[in-house]
Amino acid sequence: MSKDEAVLICCGLVTLDLTQVVRALPGPNEKVVAVSQSATFGGPAANAAATAAALGVRTRLVTAVGSGVLADVVRAEVAAAGVELVEPASEDRSEPAARPDGADGPAVSTVLVTAGTGERAVVSTNAANRPVALPDGSLLDRTFGLRPKGRDAGEVLHQGRDVLLLDGHHPALASAVARRAREGGYVVVLDGGSWKDGTADLLPLCDAVVLSEDFRVPGEPAERVLDAVAAFGPSFVARSRGARSLELLDAGTRSTVPVPAVHAVADTLGAGDVLHGAFAARIALGEAWTSALEHAAAVASRSVTFPGARGWVGASGTRRR
């Protein structure tokens, strides 16, 4: 790829996902036998990065993987997905080199997928026990390379833009990376899966935010969530609602984007991550907000017809750039 190509930087959580497909979720004190099982990397930022790479966009993931054998498995799979990995040096991590509770390794998610419906139940440690200290200039230089010249904030999107996608995890890291991205003229996008510590500080740094249906702003009614988020500064705010159309608020104008119908759902795991990654990828390729979201909705809808967050990658009909 040319060094002049736009780049997408994804900053946030990577996990090791242990997924088991079951015919029905177990009840209290009940054991069930899985139909199938798999182990691979996951997490909002990581899945989004893999999505963008699959769509032909040069992609970099900034995250804390951890140490040990499982962390090495995660690193190898991220690399195999075509994503460049940037990690804090050991001195940037705020926890000791090894911990008896196992938190020195990657965050682990246990996922149960119900066969037939594709619905999933997830239990995860996320990044709560894996804090990353405020990064120094070395990490930011490795993330962004040579500082690009800042671009006019009013520059139209259809020339291709460098993009930063945040998922809200590792807030100290996310804030520092977002501020450097703004200095460099990047478009900053937030995957608003849920309100987290640090979300209020990240929103004013964002140009666009794509929310989950469950996202809530503290103290605000659910029906005002788009307006409440826009009040922090982003000019474009959207909210996904499963199979229903996405709601948009673009510079004060409301609209919707339809979600393509899916007749056979295999697995909804990571569909939101795919949506965010595809949206950011299309922005990096120069599309306007609404058009990028239309393309992203189509990719996310297709993804749920395959098992896993990346089962669709490489399948016949997958559109690259």
Protein backbone atom coordinates (compact mmCIF):
# COMPACT_ATOMS: atom_id res chain seq x y z
CA MET A 1 0.00 0.00 0.00
CA SER A 2 1.16 3.51 -0.70
CA LYS A 3 2.39 5.59 2.21
CA ASP A 4 0.11 8.34 0.91
CA GLU A 5 -3.01 6.23 1.42
CA ALA A 6 -5.39 7.21 4.18
CA VAL A 7 -4.93 5.21 7.38
CA LEU A 8 -7.47 4.10 9.97
CA ILE A 9 -6.25 3.91 13.56
CA CYS A 10 -8.45 1.96 15.97
CA CYS A 11 -7.83 2.53 19.67
CA GLY A 12 -9.39 0.48 22.43
CA LEU A 13 -10.06 -3.04 23.59
CA VAL A 14 -8.82 -6.39 22.33
CA THR A 15 -9.94 -9.61 23.97
CA LEU A 16 -9.52 -13.34 23.63
CA ASP A 17 -13.02 -14.60 22.78
CA LEU A 18 -13.93 -18.13 23.80
CA THR A 19 -17.14 -18.85 21.89
CA GLN A 20 -19.42 -21.86 22.25
CA VAL A 21 -22.55 -22.45 20.18
CA VAL A 22 -25.39 -24.05 22.14
CA ARG A 23 -28.93 -25.07 21.30
CA ALA A 24 -30.22 -23.27 24.38
CA LEU A 25 -28.64 -21.30 27.20
CA PRO A 26 -28.19 -23.28 30.40
CA GLY A 27 -30.35 -22.51 33.40
CA PRO A 28 -29.16 -22.33 37.00
CA ASN A 29 -27.07 -25.40 37.95
CA GLU A 30 -27.55 -26.82 34.45
CA LYS A 31 -24.86 -28.09 32.10
CA VAL A 32 -25.23 -28.19 28.33
CA VAL A 33 -23.07 -29.62 25.55
CA ALA A 34 -21.85 -27.14 22.93
CA VAL A 35 -22.53 -27.73 19.26
CA SER A 36 -19.18 -26.11 18.38
CA GLN A 37 -16.50 -23.91 19.91
CA SER A 38 -13.80 -21.50 18.82
CA ALA A 39 -11.14 -19.23 20.27
CA THR A 40 -9.97 -16.05 18.55
CA PHE A 41 -9.44 -12.36 19.24
CA GLY A 42 -12.35 -10.00 19.71
CA GLY A 43 -13.18 -6.67 21.29
CA PRO A 44 -14.80 -3.60 19.70
CA ALA A 45 -11.66 -1.85 18.46
CA ALA A 46 -9.99 -5.09 17.33
CA ASN A 47 -13.02 -6.36 15.40
CA ALA A 48 -13.47 -2.94 13.80
CA ALA A 49 -9.82 -2.88 12.76
CA ALA A 50 -10.08 -6.36 11.21
CA THR A 51 -13.23 -5.26 9.37
CA ALA A 52 -11.52 -2.22 7.87
CA ALA A 53 -8.48 -4.26 6.88
CA ALA A 54 -10.75 -6.79 5.15
CA LEU A 55 -12.30 -3.89 3.23
CA GLY A 56 -8.89 -2.82 1.96
CA VAL A 57 -8.05 0.07 4.29
CA ARG A 58 -4.61 0.35 5.89
CA THR A 59 -5.35 -0.20 9.58
CA ARG A 60 -3.49 0.08 12.86
CA LEU A 61 -4.74 -1.10 16.28
CA VAL A 62 -3.57 0.66 19.45
CA THR A 63 -4.30 -1.46 22.52
CA ALA A 64 -2.86 -3.29 25.50
CA VAL A 65 -2.72 -7.03 24.80
CA GLY A 66 -0.88 -8.17 27.90
CA SER A 67 1.73 -10.89 28.30
CA GLY A 68 1.95 -14.67 28.22
CA VAL A 69 1.01 -17.44 25.81
CA LEU A 70 -2.60 -16.29 25.29
CA ALA A 71 -1.42 -12.76 24.53
CA ASP A 72 0.94 -14.15 21.89
CA VAL A 73 -1.99 -16.00 20.31
CA VAL A 74 -3.95 -12.75 20.13
CA ARG A 75 -0.99 -10.90 18.56
CA ALA A 76 -0.54 -13.58 15.92
CA GLU A 77 -4.22 -13.56 14.95
CA VAL A 78 -4.39 -9.75 14.79
CA ALA A 79 -1.39 -9.78 12.45
CA ALA A 80 -2.99 -12.53 10.34
CA ALA A 81 -6.05 -10.28 9.95
CA GLY A 82 -3.83 -7.70 8.26
CA VAL A 83 -3.82 -5.24 11.17
CA GLU A 84 -0.69 -3.53 12.45
CA LEU A 85 -0.49 -3.66 16.25
CA VAL A 86 0.85 -0.83 18.44
CA GLU A 87 1.16 -1.57 22.16
CA PRO A 88 2.32 0.44 25.16
CA ALA A 89 5.83 -0.43 26.26
CA SER A 90 6.00 -2.32 29.55
CA GLU A 91 6.85 0.86 31.43
CA ASP A 92 3.63 2.48 30.13
CA ARG A 93 1.45 -0.16 31.79
CA SER A 94 0.24 0.76 35.25
CA GLU A 95 0.04 -2.81 36.56
CA PRO A 96 3.00 -5.00 37.58
CA ALA A 97 4.65 -7.27 35.04
CA ALA A 98 2.87 -10.33 36.49
CA ARG A 99 -0.20 -10.63 38.69
CA PRO A 100 -1.53 -13.62 40.59
CA ASP A 101 -5.11 -12.96 39.41
CA GLY A 102 -4.11 -13.54 35.78
CA ALA A 103 -4.77 -9.95 34.70
CA ASP A 104 -1.35 -9.74 33.05
CA GLY A 105 -2.73 -11.70 30.10
CA PRO A 106 -5.34 -10.54 27.58
CA ALA A 107 -8.88 -9.72 28.65
CA VAL A 108 -11.06 -12.79 28.11
CA SER A 109 -14.68 -12.88 26.91
CA THR A 110 -16.84 -15.97 27.24
CA VAL A 111 -19.51 -16.00 24.54
CA LEU A 112 -22.54 -18.28 24.26
CA VAL A 113 -24.28 -18.19 20.88
CA THR A 114 -27.72 -19.76 20.54
CA ALA A 115 -27.95 -21.92 17.43
CA GLY A 116 -30.89 -21.05 15.21
CA THR A 117 -31.31 -17.45 16.38
CA GLY A 118 -27.71 -16.20 16.45
CA GLU A 119 -28.38 -14.39 19.73
CA ARG A 120 -25.41 -14.17 22.05
CA ALA A 121 -24.67 -13.81 25.75
CA VAL A 122 -21.28 -12.39 26.72
CA VAL A 123 -19.33 -12.30 29.97
CA SER A 124 -16.11 -10.29 29.82
CA THR A 125 -13.53 -8.68 32.07
CA ASN A 126 -13.07 -5.91 29.46
CA ALA A 127 -10.21 -3.56 30.32
CA ALA A 128 -11.24 -2.85 33.91
CA ASN A 129 -8.35 -4.76 35.49
CA ARG A 130 -5.84 -3.89 32.76
CA PRO A 131 -5.29 -0.14 33.07
CA VAL A 132 -2.88 1.67 30.79
CA ALA A 133 -1.03 4.68 32.14
CA LEU A 134 -1.10 8.00 30.33
CA PRO A 135 1.06 7.29 27.27
CA ASP A 136 4.23 9.20 26.57
CA GLY A 137 5.34 10.69 23.27
CA SER A 138 7.01 7.47 22.19
CA LEU A 139 3.73 5.57 22.01
CA LEU A 140 2.01 8.43 20.21
CA ASP A 141 4.88 8.66 17.71
CA ARG A 142 4.64 4.92 17.06
CA THR A 143 0.89 5.27 16.62
CA PHE A 144 0.92 8.19 14.20
CA GLY A 145 4.40 8.06 12.72
CA LEU A 146 5.66 11.40 11.51
CA ARG A 147 3.15 14.04 12.46
CA PRO A 148 0.98 14.83 9.44
CA LYS A 149 0.21 18.40 8.56
CA GLY A 150 -3.03 19.54 10.11
CA ARG A 151 -5.91 19.86 7.70
CA ASP A 152 -8.62 22.46 7.51
CA ALA A 153 -11.53 21.30 9.64
CA GLY A 154 -13.90 22.33 6.87
CA GLU A 155 -12.19 20.21 4.22
CA VAL A 156 -14.71 17.99 2.43
CA LEU A 157 -14.55 14.29 3.13
CA HIS A 158 -14.53 13.00 -0.44
CA GLN A 159 -10.75 13.26 -0.79
CA GLY A 160 -9.99 10.41 1.61
CA ARG A 161 -9.05 11.15 5.19
CA ASP A 162 -6.99 9.66 7.97
CA VAL A 163 -9.42 8.42 10.63
CA LEU A 164 -9.22 7.54 14.32
CA LEU A 165 -11.87 5.17 15.70
CA LEU A 166 -12.23 4.94 19.49
CA ASP A 167 -14.29 2.42 21.45
CA GLY A 168 -14.03 4.21 24.82
CA HIS A 169 -11.96 1.57 26.59
CA HIS A 170 -8.55 2.47 28.09
CA PRO A 171 -9.72 6.09 28.60
CA ALA A 172 -6.32 7.63 29.40
CA LEU A 173 -4.86 6.10 26.26
CA ALA A 174 -7.92 7.05 24.19
CA SER A 175 -7.84 10.68 25.30
CA ALA A 176 -4.14 11.13 24.52
CA VAL A 177 -4.48 9.44 21.12
CA ALA A 178 -7.58 11.50 20.27
CA ARG A 179 -5.85 14.77 21.10
CA ARG A 180 -2.86 13.91 18.92
CA ALA A 181 -5.24 12.84 16.13
CA ARG A 182 -7.03 16.20 16.26
CA GLU A 183 -3.68 17.98 15.99
CA GLY A 184 -2.89 15.88 12.93
CA GLY A 185 -6.14 16.57 11.12
CA TYR A 186 -7.66 13.11 11.59
CA VAL A 187 -11.41 12.55 11.53
CA VAL A 188 -12.26 11.22 15.01
CA VAL A 189 -15.08 8.68 15.35
CA LEU A 190 -16.44 7.09 18.52
CA ASP A 191 -18.05 3.68 18.83
CA GLY A 192 -20.58 4.48 21.55
CA GLY A 193 -21.35 1.02 22.84
CA SER A 194 -22.09 2.25 26.35
CA TRP A 195 -21.38 5.24 28.60
CA LYS A 196 -18.01 4.68 30.27
CA ASP A 197 -15.66 6.55 32.55
CA GLY A 198 -14.05 9.08 30.24
CA THR A 199 -16.85 9.23 27.64
CA ALA A 200 -17.71 12.81 28.59
CA ASP A 201 -14.08 13.80 27.93
CA LEU A 202 -13.90 11.98 24.59
CA LEU A 203 -17.13 13.27 23.02
CA PRO A 204 -15.92 16.88 22.50
CA LEU A 205 -12.92 15.47 20.58
CA CYS A 206 -15.13 13.54 18.14
CA ASP A 207 -16.48 14.49 14.72
CA ALA A 208 -18.88 11.54 14.49
CA VAL A 209 -20.39 9.11 16.98
CA VAL A 210 -22.25 5.88 16.21
CA LEU A 211 -24.20 4.66 19.24
CA SER A 212 -25.64 1.30 20.18
CA GLU A 213 -29.34 1.06 20.95
CA ASP A 214 -28.53 0.68 24.66
CA PHE A 215 -26.32 3.79 24.93
CA ARG A 216 -27.59 6.34 27.46
CA VAL A 217 -26.29 9.74 28.54
CA PRO A 218 -26.58 10.00 32.34
CA GLY A 219 -29.49 12.21 33.36
CA GLU A 220 -30.99 12.33 29.86
CA PRO A 221 -34.10 10.46 28.64
CA ALA A 222 -33.57 7.73 26.07
CA GLU A 223 -35.50 9.60 23.37
CA ARG A 224 -33.04 12.51 23.55
CA VAL A 225 -29.85 10.48 23.28
CA LEU A 226 -28.87 11.81 19.82
CA ASP A 227 -29.39 15.43 20.89
CA ALA A 228 -27.61 14.87 24.20
CA VAL A 229 -24.54 13.44 22.47
CA ALA A 230 -24.54 16.16 19.79
CA ALA A 231 -24.55 18.78 22.56
CA PHE A 232 -21.03 17.65 23.47
CA GLY A 233 -19.79 18.71 20.02
CA PRO A 234 -19.95 15.93 17.38
CA SER A 235 -21.63 17.13 14.19
CA PHE A 236 -22.82 13.64 13.20
CA VAL A 237 -24.52 11.24 15.60
CA ALA A 238 -26.18 7.96 14.66
CA ARG A 239 -27.73 5.11 16.60
CA SER A 240 -28.08 1.49 15.52
CA ARG A 241 -31.23 -0.41 16.49
CA GLY A 242 -30.65 -4.01 15.48
CA ALA A 243 -32.65 -4.89 12.39
CA ARG A 244 -34.50 -1.56 12.44
CA SER A 245 -33.28 1.50 10.54
CA LEU A 246 -30.45 3.57 12.01
CA GLU A 247 -31.36 6.98 13.39
CA LEU A 248 -29.21 9.94 12.29
CA LEU A 249 -28.66 13.49 13.45
CA ASP A 250 -26.39 15.25 10.95
CA ALA A 251 -25.67 18.92 11.74
CA GLY A 252 -29.11 19.16 13.33
CA THR A 253 -30.99 17.36 10.54
CA ARG A 254 -32.71 14.07 11.34
CA SER A 255 -32.95 11.13 8.96
CA THR A 256 -32.72 7.35 8.90
CA VAL A 257 -30.67 4.72 7.09
CA PRO A 258 -32.39 1.39 6.32
CA VAL A 259 -30.83 -1.88 7.39
CA PRO A 260 -30.87 -4.57 4.69
CA ALA A 261 -33.14 -7.47 5.58
CA VAL A 262 -31.50 -10.73 6.67
CA HIS A 263 -33.45 -13.97 6.36
CA ALA A 264 -31.05 -16.40 8.02
CA VAL A 265 -29.10 -15.16 11.05
CA ALA A 266 -26.16 -17.34 12.03
CA ASP A 267 -24.49 -15.17 14.68
CA THR A 268 -24.92 -11.55 15.83
CA LEU A 269 -21.59 -11.53 17.68
CA GLY A 270 -19.56 -8.46 16.71
CA ALA A 271 -22.16 -7.05 14.29
CA GLY A 272 -21.91 -3.64 15.93
CA ASP A 273 -18.11 -3.76 15.74
CA VAL A 274 -18.36 -4.59 12.03
CA LEU A 275 -20.72 -1.63 11.55
CA HIS A 276 -18.28 0.78 13.21
CA GLY A 277 -15.24 -0.60 11.38
CA ALA A 278 -16.94 -0.46 8.00
CA PHE A 279 -18.23 3.08 8.69
CA ALA A 280 -14.75 4.31 9.62
CA ALA A 281 -13.26 2.53 6.60
CA ARG A 282 -15.66 4.23 4.20
CA ILE A 283 -14.87 7.61 5.78
CA ALA A 284 -11.17 6.91 5.26
CA LEU A 285 -11.95 6.18 1.59
CA GLY A 286 -13.57 9.59 1.25
CA GLU A 287 -17.31 9.02 1.60
CA ALA A 288 -19.72 11.38 3.33
CA TRP A 289 -21.28 10.39 6.65
CA THR A 290 -24.62 9.05 5.44
CA SER A 291 -23.23 7.20 2.44
CA ALA A 292 -20.55 5.62 4.63
CA LEU A 293 -23.20 4.47 7.10
CA GLU A 294 -25.32 2.97 4.31
CA HIS A 295 -22.36 0.89 3.14
CA ALA A 296 -21.53 -0.07 6.74
CA ALA A 297 -25.10 -1.24 7.41
CA ALA A 298 -24.89 -3.53 4.38
CA VAL A 299 -21.58 -5.05 5.56
CA ALA A 300 -22.87 -5.53 9.13
CA SER A 301 -26.09 -7.16 7.90
CA ARG A 302 -24.09 -9.56 5.74
CA SER A 303 -21.79 -10.39 8.66
CA VAL A 304 -24.60 -11.86 10.79
CA THR A 305 -25.25 -14.55 8.17
CA PHE A 306 -21.85 -16.08 9.02
CA PRO A 307 -20.53 -17.43 12.32
CA GLY A 308 -18.29 -15.14 14.36
CA ALA A 309 -17.45 -11.48 13.92
CA ARG A 310 -15.19 -12.20 10.93
CA GLY A 311 -16.77 -15.25 9.32
CA TRP A 312 -17.88 -13.09 6.40
CA VAL A 313 -14.30 -12.05 5.53
CA GLY A 314 -13.23 -13.60 2.27
CA ALA A 315 -16.70 -14.91 1.47
CA SER A 316 -17.96 -14.58 -2.09
CA GLY A 317 -19.58 -11.20 -2.61
CA THR A 318 -17.56 -9.33 0.02
CA ARG A 319 -16.86 -5.88 -1.38
CA ARG A 320 -13.43 -4.37 -1.02
CA ARG A 321 -12.51 -0.84 -1.92
